[in-house]
Amino acid sequence: MTLSPLRYHYQLEAVVQGVARDATFDTLAASIGTALAVDRTLGGLCDWIEAEAPQPIDLPVEGAMSLKAAVIPVILDYCTADPLC
């Protein structure tokens, strides 16, 4: 959250698992970027939307294939008095 004017910032968490998890993760990250690039204002609901580069990591899972995970920061610039909107 940033004050003056009041703005909220959100992050997406992306997690994939499986044999082709690197390719699946790359496809997922690219699809998020493509979706945001189509309309950076969400039909006028935001002033601007910008994603930052993910920092992928491998998360070990006992007895199973590890997970590939990343937080993808997505900044939605808009003003509201209600943090749930």
PDB file of N, CA and C in Angstrom:
ATOM      1  N   MET A   1       0.844  -1.164   0.000  1.00  0.00           N
ATOM      2  CA  MET A   1       0.000   0.000   0.000  1.00  0.00           C
ATOM      3  C   MET A   1       0.896   1.236   0.000  1.00  0.00           C
ATOM      4  N   THR A   2       0.527   2.197  -0.775  1.00  0.00           N
ATOM      5  CA  THR A   2       1.219   3.472  -0.817  1.00  0.00           C
ATOM      6  C   THR A   2       0.225   4.559  -0.435  1.00  0.00           C
ATOM      7  N   LEU A   3       0.654   5.485   0.356  1.00  0.00           N
ATOM      8  CA  LEU A   3      -0.228   6.577   0.778  1.00  0.00           C
ATOM      9  C   LEU A   3       0.000   7.816  -0.067  1.00  0.00           C
ATOM     10  N   SER A   4      -1.001   8.643  -0.154  1.00  0.00           N
ATOM     11  CA  SER A   4      -0.971   9.962  -0.761  1.00  0.00           C
ATOM     12  C   SER A   4      -0.582   9.969  -2.240  1.00  0.00           C
ATOM     13  N   PRO A   5      -1.455   9.633  -3.156  1.00  0.00           N
ATOM     14  CA  PRO A   5      -2.807   9.125  -2.909  1.00  0.00           C
ATOM     15  C   PRO A   5      -2.762   7.647  -2.529  1.00  0.00           C
ATOM     16  N   LEU A   6      -3.827   7.191  -1.890  1.00  0.00           N
ATOM     17  CA  LEU A   6      -3.918   5.814  -1.443  1.00  0.00           C
ATOM     18  C   LEU A   6      -3.935   4.869  -2.638  1.00  0.00           C
ATOM     19  N   ARG A   7      -2.952   3.946  -2.684  1.00  0.00           N
ATOM     20  CA  ARG A   7      -2.850   2.961  -3.772  1.00  0.00           C
ATOM     21  C   ARG A   7      -2.481   1.617  -3.174  1.00  0.00           C
ATOM     22  N   TYR A   8      -3.009   0.571  -3.778  1.00  0.00           N
ATOM     23  CA  TYR A   8      -2.727  -0.788  -3.324  1.00  0.00           C
ATOM     24  C   TYR A   8      -1.943  -1.528  -4.392  1.00  0.00           C
ATOM     25  N   HIS A   9      -0.990  -2.369  -3.978  1.00  0.00           N
ATOM     26  CA  HIS A   9      -0.140  -3.133  -4.888  1.00  0.00           C
ATOM     27  C   HIS A   9      -0.363  -4.619  -4.611  1.00  0.00           C
ATOM     28  N   TYR A  10      -0.494  -5.409  -5.648  1.00  0.00           N
ATOM     29  CA  TYR A  10      -0.788  -6.829  -5.506  1.00  0.00           C
ATOM     30  C   TYR A  10       0.300  -7.669  -6.156  1.00  0.00           C
ATOM     31  N   GLN A  11       0.418  -8.925  -5.715  1.00  0.00           N
ATOM     32  CA  GLN A  11       1.374  -9.851  -6.302  1.00  0.00           C
ATOM     33  C   GLN A  11       0.663 -11.149  -6.641  1.00  0.00           C
ATOM     34  N   LEU A  12       1.051 -11.756  -7.758  1.00  0.00           N
ATOM     35  CA  LEU A  12       0.550 -13.066  -8.143  1.00  0.00           C
ATOM     36  C   LEU A  12       1.563 -14.108  -7.730  1.00  0.00           C
ATOM     37  N   GLU A  13       1.085 -15.266  -7.292  1.00  0.00           N
ATOM     38  CA  GLU A  13       1.979 -16.375  -7.023  1.00  0.00           C
ATOM     39  C   GLU A  13       1.728 -17.429  -8.084  1.00  0.00           C
ATOM     40  N   ALA A  14       2.770 -17.847  -8.766  1.00  0.00           N
ATOM     41  CA  ALA A  14       2.661 -18.852  -9.821  1.00  0.00           C
ATOM     42  C   ALA A  14       3.436 -20.091  -9.397  1.00  0.00           C
ATOM     43  N   VAL A  15       2.759 -21.247  -9.441  1.00  0.00           N
ATOM     44  CA  VAL A  15       3.383 -22.509  -9.050  1.00  0.00           C
ATOM     45  C   VAL A  15       3.031 -23.564 -10.085  1.00  0.00           C
ATOM     46  N   VAL A  16       4.028 -24.309 -10.555  1.00  0.00           N
ATOM     47  CA  VAL A  16       3.795 -25.414 -11.491  1.00  0.00           C
ATOM     48  C   VAL A  16       4.580 -26.634 -11.015  1.00  0.00           C
ATOM     49  N   GLN A  17       4.098 -27.817 -11.411  1.00  0.00           N
ATOM     50  CA  GLN A  17       4.769 -29.063 -11.066  1.00  0.00           C
ATOM     51  C   GLN A  17       4.638 -30.014 -12.245  1.00  0.00           C
ATOM     52  N   GLY A  18       5.602 -30.886 -12.415  1.00  0.00           N
ATOM     53  CA  GLY A  18       5.528 -31.887 -13.466  1.00  0.00           C
ATOM     54  C   GLY A  18       6.848 -32.018 -14.194  1.00  0.00           C
ATOM     55  N   VAL A  19       6.868 -32.915 -15.156  1.00  0.00           N
ATOM     56  CA  VAL A  19       8.091 -33.205 -15.895  1.00  0.00           C
ATOM     57  C   VAL A  19       8.569 -31.997 -16.694  1.00  0.00           C
ATOM     58  N   ALA A  20       7.656 -31.309 -17.345  1.00  0.00           N
ATOM     59  CA  ALA A  20       8.014 -30.157 -18.193  1.00  0.00           C
ATOM     60  C   ALA A  20       7.751 -28.850 -17.457  1.00  0.00           C
ATOM     61  N   ARG A  21       8.072 -28.814 -16.178  1.00  0.00           N
ATOM     62  CA  ARG A  21       7.693 -27.638 -15.379  1.00  0.00           C
ATOM     63  C   ARG A  21       8.378 -26.355 -15.820  1.00  0.00           C
ATOM     64  N   ASP A  22       9.599 -26.425 -16.342  1.00  0.00           N
ATOM     65  CA  ASP A  22      10.270 -25.209 -16.821  1.00  0.00           C
ATOM     66  C   ASP A  22       9.508 -24.606 -17.993  1.00  0.00           C
ATOM     67  N   ALA A  23       9.137 -25.436 -18.953  1.00  0.00           N
ATOM     68  CA  ALA A  23       8.374 -24.949 -20.108  1.00  0.00           C
ATOM     69  C   ALA A  23       6.985 -24.488 -19.691  1.00  0.00           C
ATOM     70  N   THR A  24       6.359 -25.225 -18.776  1.00  0.00           N
ATOM     71  CA  THR A  24       5.022 -24.848 -18.289  1.00  0.00           C
ATOM     72  C   THR A  24       5.077 -23.517 -17.566  1.00  0.00           C
ATOM     73  N   PHE A  25       6.114 -23.328 -16.739  1.00  0.00           N
ATOM     74  CA  PHE A  25       6.264 -22.063 -16.023  1.00  0.00           C
ATOM     75  C   PHE A  25       6.473 -20.903 -16.991  1.00  0.00           C
ATOM     76  N   ASP A  26       7.324 -21.105 -17.982  1.00  0.00           N
ATOM     77  CA  ASP A  26       7.576 -20.053 -18.968  1.00  0.00           C
ATOM     78  C   ASP A  26       6.298 -19.687 -19.714  1.00  0.00           C
ATOM     79  N   THR A  27       5.501 -20.695 -20.072  1.00  0.00           N
ATOM     80  CA  THR A  27       4.228 -20.449 -20.756  1.00  0.00           C
ATOM     81  C   THR A  27       3.271 -19.684 -19.855  1.00  0.00           C
ATOM     82  N   LEU A  28       3.200 -20.067 -18.579  1.00  0.00           N
ATOM     83  CA  LEU A  28       2.325 -19.379 -17.625  1.00  0.00           C
ATOM     84  C   LEU A  28       2.739 -17.922 -17.458  1.00  0.00           C
ATOM     85  N   ALA A  29       4.026 -17.674 -17.257  1.00  0.00           N
ATOM     86  CA  ALA A  29       4.506 -16.298 -17.088  1.00  0.00           C
ATOM     87  C   ALA A  29       4.243 -15.465 -18.339  1.00  0.00           C
ATOM     88  N   ALA A  30       4.465 -16.051 -19.510  1.00  0.00           N
ATOM     89  CA  ALA A  30       4.217 -15.332 -20.764  1.00  0.00           C
ATOM     90  C   ALA A  30       2.734 -15.030 -20.940  1.00  0.00           C
ATOM     91  N   SER A  31       1.871 -15.959 -20.543  1.00  0.00           N
ATOM     92  CA  SER A  31       0.430 -15.724 -20.696  1.00  0.00           C
ATOM     93  C   SER A  31      -0.056 -14.621 -19.756  1.00  0.00           C
ATOM     94  N   ILE A  32       0.529 -14.520 -18.580  1.00  0.00           N
ATOM     95  CA  ILE A  32       0.182 -13.426 -17.672  1.00  0.00           C
ATOM     96  C   ILE A  32       0.599 -12.096 -18.294  1.00  0.00           C
ATOM     97  N   GLY A  33       1.803 -12.040 -18.840  1.00  0.00           N
ATOM     98  CA  GLY A  33       2.279 -10.824 -19.502  1.00  0.00           C
ATOM     99  C   GLY A  33       1.417 -10.443 -20.687  1.00  0.00           C
ATOM    100  N   THR A  34       1.016 -11.438 -21.477  1.00  0.00           N
ATOM    101  CA  THR A  34       0.161 -11.169 -22.637  1.00  0.00           C
ATOM    102  C   THR A  34      -1.189 -10.631 -22.203  1.00  0.00           C
ATOM    103  N   ALA A  35      -1.781 -11.248 -21.179  1.00  0.00           N
ATOM    104  CA  ALA A  35      -3.096 -10.796 -20.690  1.00  0.00           C
ATOM    105  C   ALA A  35      -3.038  -9.361 -20.183  1.00  0.00           C
ATOM    106  N   LEU A  36      -1.962  -9.012 -19.502  1.00  0.00           N
ATOM    107  CA  LEU A  36      -1.836  -7.640 -18.999  1.00  0.00           C
ATOM    108  C   LEU A  36      -1.590  -6.652 -20.128  1.00  0.00           C
ATOM    109  N   ALA A  37      -0.850  -7.064 -21.150  1.00  0.00           N
ATOM    110  CA  ALA A  37      -0.530  -6.170 -22.257  1.00  0.00           C
ATOM    111  C   ALA A  37      -1.740  -5.849 -23.118  1.00  0.00           C
ATOM    112  N   VAL A  38      -2.740  -6.721 -23.129  1.00  0.00           N
ATOM    113  CA  VAL A  38      -3.941  -6.508 -23.946  1.00  0.00           C
ATOM    114  C   VAL A  38      -4.683  -5.248 -23.497  1.00  0.00           C
ATOM    115  N   ASP A  39      -4.797  -5.055 -22.194  1.00  0.00           N
ATOM    116  CA  ASP A  39      -5.499  -3.876 -21.681  1.00  0.00           C
ATOM    117  C   ASP A  39      -4.888  -3.479 -20.349  1.00  0.00           C
ATOM    118  N   ARG A  40      -3.973  -2.545 -20.377  1.00  0.00           N
ATOM    119  CA  ARG A  40      -3.264  -2.133 -19.169  1.00  0.00           C
ATOM    120  C   ARG A  40      -4.091  -1.261 -18.236  1.00  0.00           C
ATOM    121  N   THR A  41      -5.357  -1.051 -18.564  1.00  0.00           N
ATOM    122  CA  THR A  41      -6.224  -0.267 -17.677  1.00  0.00           C
ATOM    123  C   THR A  41      -7.406  -1.086 -17.156  1.00  0.00           C
ATOM    124  N   LEU A  42      -7.468  -2.370 -17.490  1.00  0.00           N
ATOM    125  CA  LEU A  42      -8.605  -3.218 -17.111  1.00  0.00           C
ATOM    126  C   LEU A  42      -9.931  -2.555 -17.463  1.00  0.00           C
ATOM    127  N   GLY A  43     -10.019  -2.086 -18.679  1.00  0.00           N
ATOM    128  CA  GLY A  43     -11.248  -1.448 -19.135  1.00  0.00           C
ATOM    129  C   GLY A  43     -11.534  -0.124 -18.439  1.00  0.00           C
ATOM    130  N   GLY A  44     -10.482   0.552 -17.991  1.00  0.00           N
ATOM    131  CA  GLY A  44     -10.656   1.841 -17.328  1.00  0.00           C
ATOM    132  C   GLY A  44     -10.730   1.754 -15.814  1.00  0.00           C
ATOM    133  N   LEU A  45     -10.643   0.562 -15.238  1.00  0.00           N
ATOM    134  CA  LEU A  45     -10.702   0.409 -13.781  1.00  0.00           C
ATOM    135  C   LEU A  45      -9.402   0.820 -13.097  1.00  0.00           C
ATOM    136  N   CYS A  46      -8.284   0.765 -13.826  1.00  0.00           N
ATOM    137  CA  CYS A  46      -6.977   1.143 -13.288  1.00  0.00           C
ATOM    138  C   CYS A  46      -6.378   2.239 -14.155  1.00  0.00           C
ATOM    139  N   ASP A  47      -5.492   2.996 -13.553  1.00  0.00           N
ATOM    140  CA  ASP A  47      -4.746   3.971 -14.335  1.00  0.00           C
ATOM    141  C   ASP A  47      -3.694   3.267 -15.173  1.00  0.00           C
ATOM    142  N   TRP A  48      -3.064   2.218 -14.607  1.00  0.00           N
ATOM    143  CA  TRP A  48      -2.019   1.492 -15.324  1.00  0.00           C
ATOM    144  C   TRP A  48      -1.723   0.194 -14.583  1.00  0.00           C
ATOM    145  N   ILE A  49      -1.379  -0.864 -15.325  1.00  0.00           N
ATOM    146  CA  ILE A  49      -0.982  -2.145 -14.746  1.00  0.00           C
ATOM    147  C   ILE A  49       0.385  -2.505 -15.306  1.00  0.00           C
ATOM    148  N   GLU A  50       1.276  -2.898 -14.418  1.00  0.00           N
ATOM    149  CA  GLU A  50       2.636  -3.255 -14.830  1.00  0.00           C
ATOM    150  C   GLU A  50       3.088  -4.470 -14.022  1.00  0.00           C
ATOM    151  N   ALA A  51       3.640  -5.474 -14.690  1.00  0.00           N
ATOM    152  CA  ALA A  51       4.194  -6.645 -14.009  1.00  0.00           C
ATOM    153  C   ALA A  51       5.710  -6.529 -13.974  1.00  0.00           C
ATOM    154  N   GLU A  52       6.291  -7.058 -12.917  1.00  0.00           N
ATOM    155  CA  GLU A  52       7.737  -7.106 -12.797  1.00  0.00           C
ATOM    156  C   GLU A  52       8.208  -8.526 -13.065  1.00  0.00           C
ATOM    157  N   ALA A  53       9.469  -8.703 -13.305  1.00  0.00           N
ATOM    158  CA  ALA A  53      10.028 -10.020 -13.630  1.00  0.00           C
ATOM    159  C   ALA A  53       9.907 -10.973 -12.439  1.00  0.00           C
ATOM    160  N   PRO A  54       9.490 -12.211 -12.708  1.00  0.00           N
ATOM    161  CA  PRO A  54       9.431 -13.194 -11.628  1.00  0.00           C
ATOM    162  C   PRO A  54      10.826 -13.666 -11.246  1.00  0.00           C
ATOM    163  N   GLN A  55      10.957 -14.121 -10.031  1.00  0.00           N
ATOM    164  CA  GLN A  55      12.198 -14.715  -9.535  1.00  0.00           C
ATOM    165  C   GLN A  55      11.902 -16.176  -9.196  1.00  0.00           C
ATOM    166  N   PRO A  56      11.928 -17.085 -10.190  1.00  0.00           N
ATOM    167  CA  PRO A  56      11.541 -18.466  -9.933  1.00  0.00           C
ATOM    168  C   PRO A  56      12.510 -19.205  -9.008  1.00  0.00           C
ATOM    169  N   ILE A  57      11.951 -20.098  -8.189  1.00  0.00           N
ATOM    170  CA  ILE A  57      12.741 -20.956  -7.308  1.00  0.00           C
ATOM    171  C   ILE A  57      12.159 -22.367  -7.369  1.00  0.00           C
ATOM    172  N   ASP A  58      12.960 -23.351  -7.013  1.00  0.00           N
ATOM    173  CA  ASP A  58      12.496 -24.729  -6.898  1.00  0.00           C
ATOM    174  C   ASP A  58      12.170 -25.007  -5.436  1.00  0.00           C
ATOM    175  N   LEU A  59      10.967 -25.514  -5.192  1.00  0.00           N
ATOM    176  CA  LEU A  59      10.544 -25.862  -3.842  1.00  0.00           C
ATOM    177  C   LEU A  59      10.517 -27.378  -3.721  1.00  0.00           C
ATOM    178  N   PRO A  60      11.340 -27.952  -2.860  1.00  0.00           N
ATOM    179  CA  PRO A  60      11.349 -29.405  -2.723  1.00  0.00           C
ATOM    180  C   PRO A  60      10.063 -29.906  -2.058  1.00  0.00           C
ATOM    181  N   VAL A  61       9.589 -31.060  -2.529  1.00  0.00           N
ATOM    182  CA  VAL A  61       8.425 -31.718  -1.956  1.00  0.00           C
ATOM    183  C   VAL A  61       8.852 -33.139  -1.613  1.00  0.00           C
ATOM    184  N   GLU A  62       8.724 -33.498  -0.358  1.00  0.00           N
ATOM    185  CA  GLU A  62       9.168 -34.826   0.068  1.00  0.00           C
ATOM    186  C   GLU A  62       8.359 -35.916  -0.627  1.00  0.00           C
ATOM    187  N   GLY A  63       9.047 -36.810  -1.312  1.00  0.00           N
ATOM    188  CA  GLY A  63       8.407 -37.932  -1.971  1.00  0.00           C
ATOM    189  C   GLY A  63       7.757 -37.600  -3.303  1.00  0.00           C
ATOM    190  N   ALA A  64       7.993 -36.417  -3.840  1.00  0.00           N
ATOM    191  CA  ALA A  64       7.380 -36.018  -5.118  1.00  0.00           C
ATOM    192  C   ALA A  64       8.339 -35.101  -5.859  1.00  0.00           C
ATOM    193  N   MET A  65       7.990 -34.787  -7.111  1.00  0.00           N
ATOM    194  CA  MET A  65       8.791 -33.836  -7.884  1.00  0.00           C
ATOM    195  C   MET A  65       8.705 -32.464  -7.230  1.00  0.00           C
ATOM    196  N   SER A  66       9.778 -31.731  -7.314  1.00  0.00           N
ATOM    197  CA  SER A  66       9.770 -30.387  -6.729  1.00  0.00           C
ATOM    198  C   SER A  66       8.832 -29.468  -7.506  1.00  0.00           C
ATOM    199  N   LEU A  67       8.436 -28.406  -6.852  1.00  0.00           N
ATOM    200  CA  LEU A  67       7.591 -27.390  -7.471  1.00  0.00           C
ATOM    201  C   LEU A  67       8.464 -26.260  -7.978  1.00  0.00           C
ATOM    202  N   LYS A  68       8.076 -25.662  -9.063  1.00  0.00           N
ATOM    203  CA  LYS A  68       8.721 -24.433  -9.521  1.00  0.00           C
ATOM    204  C   LYS A  68       7.751 -23.322  -9.178  1.00  0.00           C
ATOM    205  N   ALA A  69       8.216 -22.351  -8.433  1.00  0.00           N
ATOM    206  CA  ALA A  69       7.334 -21.299  -7.950  1.00  0.00           C
ATOM    207  C   ALA A  69       7.987 -19.938  -8.124  1.00  0.00           C
ATOM    208  N   ALA A  70       7.150 -18.921  -8.157  1.00  0.00           N
ATOM    209  CA  ALA A  70       7.645 -17.542  -8.218  1.00  0.00           C
ATOM    210  C   ALA A  70       6.532 -16.601  -7.807  1.00  0.00           C
ATOM    211  N   VAL A  71       6.927 -15.504  -7.250  1.00  0.00           N
ATOM    212  CA  VAL A  71       6.005 -14.390  -7.033  1.00  0.00           C
ATOM    213  C   VAL A  71       6.207 -13.446  -8.204  1.00  0.00           C
ATOM    214  N   ILE A  72       5.107 -13.067  -8.836  1.00  0.00           N
ATOM    215  CA  ILE A  72       5.170 -12.127  -9.953  1.00  0.00           C
ATOM    216  C   ILE A  72       4.513 -10.831  -9.477  1.00  0.00           C
ATOM    217  N   PRO A  73       5.304  -9.830  -9.128  1.00  0.00           N
ATOM    218  CA  PRO A  73       4.709  -8.570  -8.684  1.00  0.00           C
ATOM    219  C   PRO A  73       3.921  -7.913  -9.821  1.00  0.00           C
ATOM    220  N   VAL A  74       2.677  -7.581  -9.535  1.00  0.00           N
ATOM    221  CA  VAL A  74       1.818  -6.884 -10.490  1.00  0.00           C
ATOM    222  C   VAL A  74       1.342  -5.614  -9.806  1.00  0.00           C
ATOM    223  N   ILE A  75       1.695  -4.488 -10.369  1.00  0.00           N
ATOM    224  CA  ILE A  75       1.342  -3.205  -9.773  1.00  0.00           C
ATOM    225  C   ILE A  75       0.131  -2.661 -10.503  1.00  0.00           C
ATOM    226  N   LEU A  76      -0.961  -2.492  -9.748  1.00  0.00           N
ATOM    227  CA  LEU A  76      -2.197  -1.917 -10.282  1.00  0.00           C
ATOM    228  C   LEU A  76      -2.318  -0.511  -9.716  1.00  0.00           C
ATOM    229  N   ASP A  77      -2.142   0.486 -10.536  1.00  0.00           N
ATOM    230  CA  ASP A  77      -2.251   1.870 -10.086  1.00  0.00           C
ATOM    231  C   ASP A  77      -3.692   2.335 -10.230  1.00  0.00           C
ATOM    232  N   TYR A  78      -4.334   2.544  -9.103  1.00  0.00           N
ATOM    233  CA  TYR A  78      -5.683   3.087  -9.059  1.00  0.00           C
ATOM    234  C   TYR A  78      -5.919   3.643  -7.674  1.00  0.00           C
ATOM    235  N   CYS A  79      -6.888   4.477  -7.533  1.00  0.00           N
ATOM    236  CA  CYS A  79      -7.192   5.084  -6.239  1.00  0.00           C
ATOM    237  C   CYS A  79      -8.536   4.589  -5.758  1.00  0.00           C
ATOM    238  N   THR A  80      -8.601   4.259  -4.483  1.00  0.00           N
ATOM    239  CA  THR A  80      -9.847   3.811  -3.874  1.00  0.00           C
ATOM    240  C   THR A  80      -9.787   4.064  -2.379  1.00  0.00           C
ATOM    241  N   ALA A  81     -10.936   4.209  -1.780  1.00  0.00           N
ATOM    242  CA  ALA A  81     -11.011   4.365  -0.335  1.00  0.00           C
ATOM    243  C   ALA A  81     -11.180   3.008   0.350  1.00  0.00           C
ATOM    244  N   ASP A  82     -11.429   1.955  -0.433  1.00  0.00           N
ATOM    245  CA  ASP A  82     -11.702   0.626   0.117  1.00  0.00           C
ATOM    246  C   ASP A  82     -10.657  -0.363  -0.381  1.00  0.00           C
ATOM    247  N   PRO A  83      -9.863  -0.982   0.512  1.00  0.00           N
ATOM    248  CA  PRO A  83      -8.821  -1.903   0.063  1.00  0.00           C
ATOM    249  C   PRO A  83      -9.349  -3.196  -0.537  1.00  0.00           C
ATOM    250  N   LEU A  84     -10.639  -3.468  -0.430  1.00  0.00           N
ATOM    251  CA  LEU A  84     -11.217  -4.670  -1.003  1.00  0.00           C
ATOM    252  C   LEU A  84     -11.763  -4.438  -2.409  1.00  0.00           C
ATOM    253  N   CYS A  85     -11.678  -3.240  -2.890  1.00  0.00           N
ATOM    254  CA  CYS A  85     -12.178  -2.937  -4.247  1.00  0.00           C
ATOM    255  C   CYS A  85     -11.056  -2.825  -5.237  1.00  0.00           C
TER     256      CYS A  85
END
